[in-house]
Structure formats: C-alpha cells, structure tokens
Amino acid sequence: MNRLYWMILGLLLATAGVSGAQDLSVSTNIADYARTGTLNLEAGYGLARHWSVSAGVKYNPYSFGTGDDLRFRRQRQYSAGARWWPWHIYSGWWVDARLQYQEFANTDERSLQPLPLSGRGGGTATEGDRYGAGVLAGYSQMLGRHFNIDFGAGLWGGWSSYVTYTCPTCGRISSSGAKPFILPADIILALNYIF
C-alpha cells in the first residue's frame, strides 16, 4: 500500500506542471489532529471544472499510559478518490467517493476501568486491517486566492479482519476473524493550499 500511495502522489505532482494554474491542492485535516493526534496529508488535482482526484495518507503512532493503563488508537490509512463539485473545483459544495485501506490497533475504553477484584485493567485491544469504500460530502469555503477551508463528514464500509486481545500488554488472544463494517469516514475541518 505504501508503494501505491507514492505512485498516486507522484502522478499528481508530475501532472501539475502540465496543466494550468490552481489545479493542484494540498490539505491537512485539523479535526484529526485535535481528536486523536493523527498526522495527515492529502494531495488533490483538478481534472475538469467539476471533477478533482485525490490521494491521502493518515498516520497515528501514539500510545498513552503504561502497563494496565496503556491506551492507544493507532492507525495507518491510505485513500484515493474522486470529488464532484457542482459549481467549480475547490469552491462550494462537493461529494467525494474514495477507496480506503486502514491498518489499525486500538484499546477499548474499558481498559481504563479496573476489574473489581484484581484492580487490573479490564479492557481489550484490537488490531487488524480494513478495506473498503467511502462517501463524504461537504463545503469548501474560499479564504483567499490560495487558501480554502473544508467542512464535511462521511461514512465508509467494507471488510475488516481483526484479532482481539484480552488486555493491551499480555497478548492473550480472545477472538479473531473477519466481518463487514460501516464506520464514520471522517469529520473534516481541513485547511487547503491551492497552487
């Protein structure tokens, strides 16, 4: 997946010099930093008046606490998609469809609550992979010639394979398998720079 992401990003950057002005954009979602500390970047390219394509990456390597109080919501996520703009690219309302892959690992909130007799954390940790497609919708507000701010939200669904452990530190497997899922795709409050 890393190689696919870099190929898409390279294609976007290579074609930027061939076309006219303000076809390439780079954005970061401020809501991801505020909510979970997730580093993220997305590059977009305007194909026509109403269409743009994008490729994005998210990365969260952080853990909080130690021992029985260990908490984390780590992820690596790659996406590629197309956005339709009813009025004009990088301005106004938009609808986005994308393919996504996510490698994830997180703790259950119950990890923070001690078990009644032992005093040790009683939560679980889950890790796995998700493959799927998402749909988002939102609005892009022009702040100036080169800056926009995007507001939006969406859902994504697909197939998830996972392993669940009885605690974040012991590594004892309690369940594993694969199942379909539907999750929030993103809450978007993104700052864009348009070249």
C-alpha atoms as a PDB file:
ATOM      1  CA  MET A   1       0.000   0.000   0.000  1.00  0.00           C
ATOM      2  CA  ASN A   2       2.911   2.373   0.673  1.00  0.00           C
ATOM      3  CA  ARG A   3       4.120   1.963  -2.894  1.00  0.00           C
ATOM      4  CA  LEU A   4       0.595   2.609  -4.277  1.00  0.00           C
ATOM      5  CA  TYR A   5       0.288   5.821  -2.257  1.00  0.00           C
ATOM      6  CA  TRP A   6       3.646   7.174  -3.504  1.00  0.00           C
ATOM      7  CA  MET A   7       2.793   6.272  -7.101  1.00  0.00           C
ATOM      8  CA  ILE A   8      -0.505   8.179  -6.910  1.00  0.00           C
ATOM      9  CA  LEU A   9       1.108  11.176  -5.227  1.00  0.00           C
ATOM     10  CA  GLY A  10       3.921  11.175  -7.814  1.00  0.00           C
ATOM     11  CA  LEU A  11       1.393  11.090 -10.658  1.00  0.00           C
ATOM     12  CA  LEU A  12      -0.491  14.034  -9.170  1.00  0.00           C
ATOM     13  CA  LEU A  13       2.692  16.076  -8.753  1.00  0.00           C
ATOM     14  CA  ALA A  14       4.023  15.167 -12.222  1.00  0.00           C
ATOM     15  CA  THR A  15       0.823  16.253 -13.969  1.00  0.00           C
ATOM     16  CA  ALA A  16       0.654  19.520 -12.019  1.00  0.00           C
ATOM     17  CA  GLY A  17       3.276  21.149 -14.258  1.00  0.00           C
ATOM     18  CA  VAL A  18       1.428  20.183 -17.455  1.00  0.00           C
ATOM     19  CA  SER A  19      -1.871  21.918 -16.699  1.00  0.00           C
ATOM     20  CA  GLY A  20      -2.984  25.456 -15.883  1.00  0.00           C
ATOM     21  CA  ALA A  21      -2.879  27.286 -12.579  1.00  0.00           C
ATOM     22  CA  GLN A  22      -4.763  26.261  -9.459  1.00  0.00           C
ATOM     23  CA  ASP A  23      -5.244  22.613 -10.369  1.00  0.00           C
ATOM     24  CA  LEU A  24      -3.149  21.142  -7.546  1.00  0.00           C
ATOM     25  CA  SER A  25      -4.032  21.304  -3.851  1.00  0.00           C
ATOM     26  CA  VAL A  26      -2.505  20.064  -0.614  1.00  0.00           C
ATOM     27  CA  SER A  27      -4.588  19.835   2.554  1.00  0.00           C
ATOM     28  CA  THR A  28      -4.489  18.655   6.148  1.00  0.00           C
ATOM     29  CA  ASN A  29      -7.460  17.848   8.369  1.00  0.00           C
ATOM     30  CA  ILE A  30      -7.232  19.854  11.598  1.00  0.00           C
ATOM     31  CA  ALA A  31     -10.020  17.760  13.172  1.00  0.00           C
ATOM     32  CA  ASP A  32      -7.792  14.641  13.031  1.00  0.00           C
ATOM     33  CA  TYR A  33      -5.038  16.423  14.961  1.00  0.00           C
ATOM     34  CA  ALA A  34      -7.496  17.670  17.594  1.00  0.00           C
ATOM     35  CA  ARG A  35      -9.436  14.419  18.028  1.00  0.00           C
ATOM     36  CA  THR A  36      -6.748  11.716  18.037  1.00  0.00           C
ATOM     37  CA  GLY A  37      -3.425  13.394  17.198  1.00  0.00           C
ATOM     38  CA  THR A  38      -3.429  11.771  13.757  1.00  0.00           C
ATOM     39  CA  LEU A  39      -0.915  13.160  11.261  1.00  0.00           C
ATOM     40  CA  ASN A  40      -2.483  13.503   7.813  1.00  0.00           C
ATOM     41  CA  LEU A  41      -1.920  14.906   4.341  1.00  0.00           C
ATOM     42  CA  GLU A  42      -3.947  14.835   1.130  1.00  0.00           C
ATOM     43  CA  ALA A  43      -2.984  15.945  -2.380  1.00  0.00           C
ATOM     44  CA  GLY A  44      -5.640  16.777  -4.963  1.00  0.00           C
ATOM     45  CA  TYR A  45      -5.632  17.525  -8.671  1.00  0.00           C
ATOM     46  CA  GLY A  46      -8.371  19.235 -10.705  1.00  0.00           C
ATOM     47  CA  LEU A  47      -9.184  17.263 -13.848  1.00  0.00           C
ATOM     48  CA  ALA A  48     -12.013  19.458 -15.146  1.00  0.00           C
ATOM     49  CA  ARG A  49     -14.334  22.211 -13.950  1.00  0.00           C
ATOM     50  CA  HIS A  50     -16.443  19.804 -11.875  1.00  0.00           C
ATOM     51  CA  TRP A  51     -14.004  16.973 -11.080  1.00  0.00           C
ATOM     52  CA  SER A  52     -10.895  16.506  -8.983  1.00  0.00           C
ATOM     53  CA  VAL A  53      -8.982  13.423  -7.808  1.00  0.00           C
ATOM     54  CA  SER A  54      -7.097  13.000  -4.550  1.00  0.00           C
ATOM     55  CA  ALA A  55      -4.764  10.693  -2.641  1.00  0.00           C
ATOM     56  CA  GLY A  56      -4.287  10.867   1.120  1.00  0.00           C
ATOM     57  CA  VAL A  57      -2.422   9.302   3.996  1.00  0.00           C
ATOM     58  CA  LYS A  58      -3.034   9.279   7.776  1.00  0.00           C
ATOM     59  CA  TYR A  59      -0.655   8.060  10.453  1.00  0.00           C
ATOM     60  CA  ASN A  60      -1.036   7.808  14.226  1.00  0.00           C
ATOM     61  CA  PRO A  61       1.780   6.001  16.110  1.00  0.00           C
ATOM     62  CA  TYR A  62       0.950   7.274  19.598  1.00  0.00           C
ATOM     63  CA  SER A  63       0.260   5.367  22.825  1.00  0.00           C
ATOM     64  CA  PHE A  64      -0.747   6.873  26.167  1.00  0.00           C
ATOM     65  CA  GLY A  65      -0.168   5.488  29.658  1.00  0.00           C
ATOM     66  CA  THR A  66       1.785   2.402  30.728  1.00  0.00           C
ATOM     67  CA  GLY A  67       1.132  -1.129  31.950  1.00  0.00           C
ATOM     68  CA  ASP A  68      -2.534  -1.833  32.671  1.00  0.00           C
ATOM     69  CA  ASP A  69      -3.457   1.781  31.832  1.00  0.00           C
ATOM     70  CA  LEU A  70      -1.987   1.625  28.301  1.00  0.00           C
ATOM     71  CA  ARG A  71      -4.289   3.269  25.739  1.00  0.00           C
ATOM     72  CA  PHE A  72      -3.870   3.733  22.016  1.00  0.00           C
ATOM     73  CA  ARG A  73      -5.758   4.375  18.800  1.00  0.00           C
ATOM     74  CA  ARG A  74      -3.008   3.801  16.249  1.00  0.00           C
ATOM     75  CA  GLN A  75      -3.563   3.687  12.512  1.00  0.00           C
ATOM     76  CA  ARG A  76      -2.077   3.882   9.045  1.00  0.00           C
ATOM     77  CA  GLN A  77      -4.600   4.760   6.380  1.00  0.00           C
ATOM     78  CA  TYR A  78      -4.336   5.308   2.620  1.00  0.00           C
ATOM     79  CA  SER A  79      -7.081   6.613   0.357  1.00  0.00           C
ATOM     80  CA  ALA A  80      -7.622   7.566  -3.285  1.00  0.00           C
ATOM     81  CA  GLY A  81     -10.787   9.016  -4.739  1.00  0.00           C
ATOM     82  CA  ALA A  82     -12.675  11.484  -6.887  1.00  0.00           C
ATOM     83  CA  ARG A  83     -14.630  14.582  -5.883  1.00  0.00           C
ATOM     84  CA  TRP A  84     -17.526  16.156  -7.796  1.00  0.00           C
ATOM     85  CA  TRP A  85     -18.056  19.911  -7.478  1.00  0.00           C
ATOM     86  CA  PRO A  86     -21.454  21.221  -8.753  1.00  0.00           C
ATOM     87  CA  TRP A  87     -20.136  24.760  -9.274  1.00  0.00           C
ATOM     88  CA  HIS A  88     -16.344  24.707  -9.725  1.00  0.00           C
ATOM     89  CA  ILE A  89     -13.376  22.755  -8.309  1.00  0.00           C
ATOM     90  CA  TYR A  90     -12.123  23.973  -4.915  1.00  0.00           C
ATOM     91  CA  SER A  91     -15.211  26.112  -4.348  1.00  0.00           C
ATOM     92  CA  GLY A  92     -18.633  25.437  -2.822  1.00  0.00           C
ATOM     93  CA  TRP A  93     -20.393  22.125  -2.205  1.00  0.00           C
ATOM     94  CA  TRP A  94     -18.808  18.777  -3.064  1.00  0.00           C
ATOM     95  CA  VAL A  95     -19.396  14.997  -2.931  1.00  0.00           C
ATOM     96  CA  ASP A  96     -16.430  12.635  -2.613  1.00  0.00           C
ATOM     97  CA  ALA A  97     -16.157   8.881  -3.301  1.00  0.00           C
ATOM     98  CA  ARG A  98     -12.982   7.020  -2.357  1.00  0.00           C
ATOM     99  CA  LEU A  99     -11.302   3.680  -1.818  1.00  0.00           C
ATOM    100  CA  GLN A 100      -9.557   3.234   1.534  1.00  0.00           C
ATOM    101  CA  TYR A 101      -7.234   0.854   3.333  1.00  0.00           C
ATOM    102  CA  GLN A 102      -6.585   1.109   7.076  1.00  0.00           C
ATOM    103  CA  GLU A 103      -4.246  -0.781   9.367  1.00  0.00           C
ATOM    104  CA  PHE A 104      -5.453  -0.186  12.934  1.00  0.00           C
ATOM    105  CA  ALA A 105      -4.792  -1.022  16.580  1.00  0.00           C
ATOM    106  CA  ASN A 106      -6.818   0.375  19.474  1.00  0.00           C
ATOM    107  CA  THR A 107      -7.813  -0.227  23.065  1.00  0.00           C
ATOM    108  CA  ASP A 108     -11.321  -0.486  24.407  1.00  0.00           C
ATOM    109  CA  GLU A 109     -12.309   2.378  26.743  1.00  0.00           C
ATOM    110  CA  ARG A 110     -12.904  -0.239  29.461  1.00  0.00           C
ATOM    111  CA  SER A 111      -9.103  -0.580  29.669  1.00  0.00           C
ATOM    112  CA  LEU A 112      -9.238   2.413  31.970  1.00  0.00           C
ATOM    113  CA  GLN A 113     -11.605   0.734  34.426  1.00  0.00           C
ATOM    114  CA  PRO A 114     -10.024  -1.709  36.919  1.00  0.00           C
ATOM    115  CA  LEU A 115     -11.550  -5.153  37.388  1.00  0.00           C
ATOM    116  CA  PRO A 116     -13.336  -5.415  40.765  1.00  0.00           C
ATOM    117  CA  LEU A 117     -11.074  -7.986  42.494  1.00  0.00           C
ATOM    118  CA  SER A 118      -7.692  -7.641  40.817  1.00  0.00           C
ATOM    119  CA  GLY A 119      -7.501  -3.868  40.344  1.00  0.00           C
ATOM    120  CA  ARG A 120      -6.049  -4.509  36.862  1.00  0.00           C
ATOM    121  CA  GLY A 121      -7.408  -3.064  33.639  1.00  0.00           C
ATOM    122  CA  GLY A 122     -10.359  -4.958  32.201  1.00  0.00           C
ATOM    123  CA  GLY A 123     -10.434  -3.781  28.594  1.00  0.00           C
ATOM    124  CA  THR A 124      -9.366  -5.310  25.328  1.00  0.00           C
ATOM    125  CA  ALA A 125      -7.043  -4.378  22.493  1.00  0.00           C
ATOM    126  CA  THR A 126      -7.932  -4.979  18.838  1.00  0.00           C
ATOM    127  CA  GLU A 127      -5.748  -4.803  15.745  1.00  0.00           C
ATOM    128  CA  GLY A 128      -6.348  -5.569  12.109  1.00  0.00           C
ATOM    129  CA  ASP A 129      -6.927  -4.332   8.568  1.00  0.00           C
ATOM    130  CA  ARG A 130      -9.915  -2.677   6.891  1.00  0.00           C
ATOM    131  CA  TYR A 131     -10.562  -2.450   3.133  1.00  0.00           C
ATOM    132  CA  GLY A 132     -13.465  -0.511   1.713  1.00  0.00           C
ATOM    133  CA  ALA A 133     -15.065   2.477   0.040  1.00  0.00           C
ATOM    134  CA  GLY A 134     -16.389   5.708   1.440  1.00  0.00           C
ATOM    135  CA  VAL A 135     -18.693   8.591   0.587  1.00  0.00           C
ATOM    136  CA  LEU A 136     -18.228  12.084   2.002  1.00  0.00           C
ATOM    137  CA  ALA A 137     -19.987  15.389   1.428  1.00  0.00           C
ATOM    138  CA  GLY A 138     -19.159  18.924   2.435  1.00  0.00           C
ATOM    139  CA  TYR A 139     -18.477  22.530   1.604  1.00  0.00           C
ATOM    140  CA  SER A 140     -15.275  24.351   0.660  1.00  0.00           C
ATOM    141  CA  GLN A 141     -15.081  27.997   1.726  1.00  0.00           C
ATOM    142  CA  MET A 142     -12.602  30.165  -0.163  1.00  0.00           C
ATOM    143  CA  LEU A 143     -10.463  32.207   2.255  1.00  0.00           C
ATOM    144  CA  GLY A 144      -8.253  33.788  -0.393  1.00  0.00           C
ATOM    145  CA  ARG A 145      -6.650  33.096  -3.740  1.00  0.00           C
ATOM    146  CA  HIS A 146      -4.649  30.127  -2.433  1.00  0.00           C
ATOM    147  CA  PHE A 147      -6.368  29.106   0.818  1.00  0.00           C
ATOM    148  CA  ASN A 148      -9.628  27.254   1.462  1.00  0.00           C
ATOM    149  CA  ILE A 149     -11.185  25.633   4.476  1.00  0.00           C
ATOM    150  CA  ASP A 150     -13.279  22.467   4.009  1.00  0.00           C
ATOM    151  CA  PHE A 151     -16.139  21.280   6.209  1.00  0.00           C
ATOM    152  CA  GLY A 152     -17.563  17.796   5.748  1.00  0.00           C
ATOM    153  CA  ALA A 153     -18.399  14.325   7.017  1.00  0.00           C
ATOM    154  CA  GLY A 154     -18.996  10.863   5.634  1.00  0.00           C
ATOM    155  CA  LEU A 155     -19.190   7.097   6.064  1.00  0.00           C
ATOM    156  CA  TRP A 156     -17.156   4.194   4.807  1.00  0.00           C
ATOM    157  CA  GLY A 157     -17.755   0.483   4.771  1.00  0.00           C
ATOM    158  CA  GLY A 158     -16.147  -2.710   3.644  1.00  0.00           C
ATOM    159  CA  TRP A 159     -14.392  -5.741   5.101  1.00  0.00           C
ATOM    160  CA  SER A 160     -12.368  -5.950   8.315  1.00  0.00           C
ATOM    161  CA  SER A 161     -10.036  -8.705   9.523  1.00  0.00           C
ATOM    162  CA  TYR A 162      -9.090  -8.429  13.196  1.00  0.00           C
ATOM    163  CA  VAL A 163      -7.548 -10.010  16.294  1.00  0.00           C
ATOM    164  CA  THR A 164      -8.778  -9.063  19.796  1.00  0.00           C
ATOM    165  CA  TYR A 165      -6.549  -9.457  22.855  1.00  0.00           C
ATOM    166  CA  THR A 166      -7.767  -9.675  26.463  1.00  0.00           C
ATOM    167  CA  CYS A 167      -5.514  -6.777  27.511  1.00  0.00           C
ATOM    168  CA  PRO A 168      -3.163  -4.367  25.732  1.00  0.00           C
ATOM    169  CA  THR A 169       0.004  -5.757  27.390  1.00  0.00           C
ATOM    170  CA  CYS A 170      -0.492  -9.543  27.847  1.00  0.00           C
ATOM    171  CA  GLY A 171      -1.027 -10.607  24.212  1.00  0.00           C
ATOM    172  CA  ARG A 172      -3.604 -13.330  25.028  1.00  0.00           C
ATOM    173  CA  ILE A 173      -5.977 -13.692  22.021  1.00  0.00           C
ATOM    174  CA  SER A 174      -9.659 -13.696  22.918  1.00  0.00           C
ATOM    175  CA  SER A 175     -11.081 -13.680  19.376  1.00  0.00           C
ATOM    176  CA  SER A 176     -10.199 -13.203  15.728  1.00  0.00           C
ATOM    177  CA  GLY A 177     -11.990 -13.202  12.429  1.00  0.00           C
ATOM    178  CA  ALA A 178     -13.327 -11.115   9.589  1.00  0.00           C
ATOM    179  CA  LYS A 179     -16.575  -9.198   9.214  1.00  0.00           C
ATOM    180  CA  PRO A 180     -18.210  -6.369   7.279  1.00  0.00           C
ATOM    181  CA  PHE A 181     -18.229  -2.881   8.813  1.00  0.00           C
ATOM    182  CA  ILE A 182     -19.716   0.599   8.429  1.00  0.00           C
ATOM    183  CA  LEU A 183     -17.900   3.438  10.233  1.00  0.00           C
ATOM    184  CA  PRO A 184     -17.647   7.220  10.147  1.00  0.00           C
ATOM    185  CA  ALA A 185     -15.120   8.053   7.417  1.00  0.00           C
ATOM    186  CA  ASP A 186     -14.062  11.465   8.597  1.00  0.00           C
ATOM    187  CA  ILE A 187     -15.120  14.611  10.327  1.00  0.00           C
ATOM    188  CA  ILE A 188     -13.495  17.235   8.128  1.00  0.00           C
ATOM    189  CA  LEU A 189     -12.222  20.655   9.130  1.00  0.00           C
ATOM    190  CA  ALA A 190      -9.367  20.866   6.632  1.00  0.00           C
ATOM    191  CA  LEU A 191      -7.044  23.673   5.642  1.00  0.00           C
ATOM    192  CA  ASN A 192      -6.173  23.638   1.910  1.00  0.00           C
ATOM    193  CA  TYR A 193      -3.428  25.322  -0.061  1.00  0.00           C
ATOM    194  CA  ILE A 194      -4.186  25.595  -3.797  1.00  0.00           C
ATOM    195  CA  PHE A 195      -1.264  26.087  -6.187  1.00  0.00           C
END
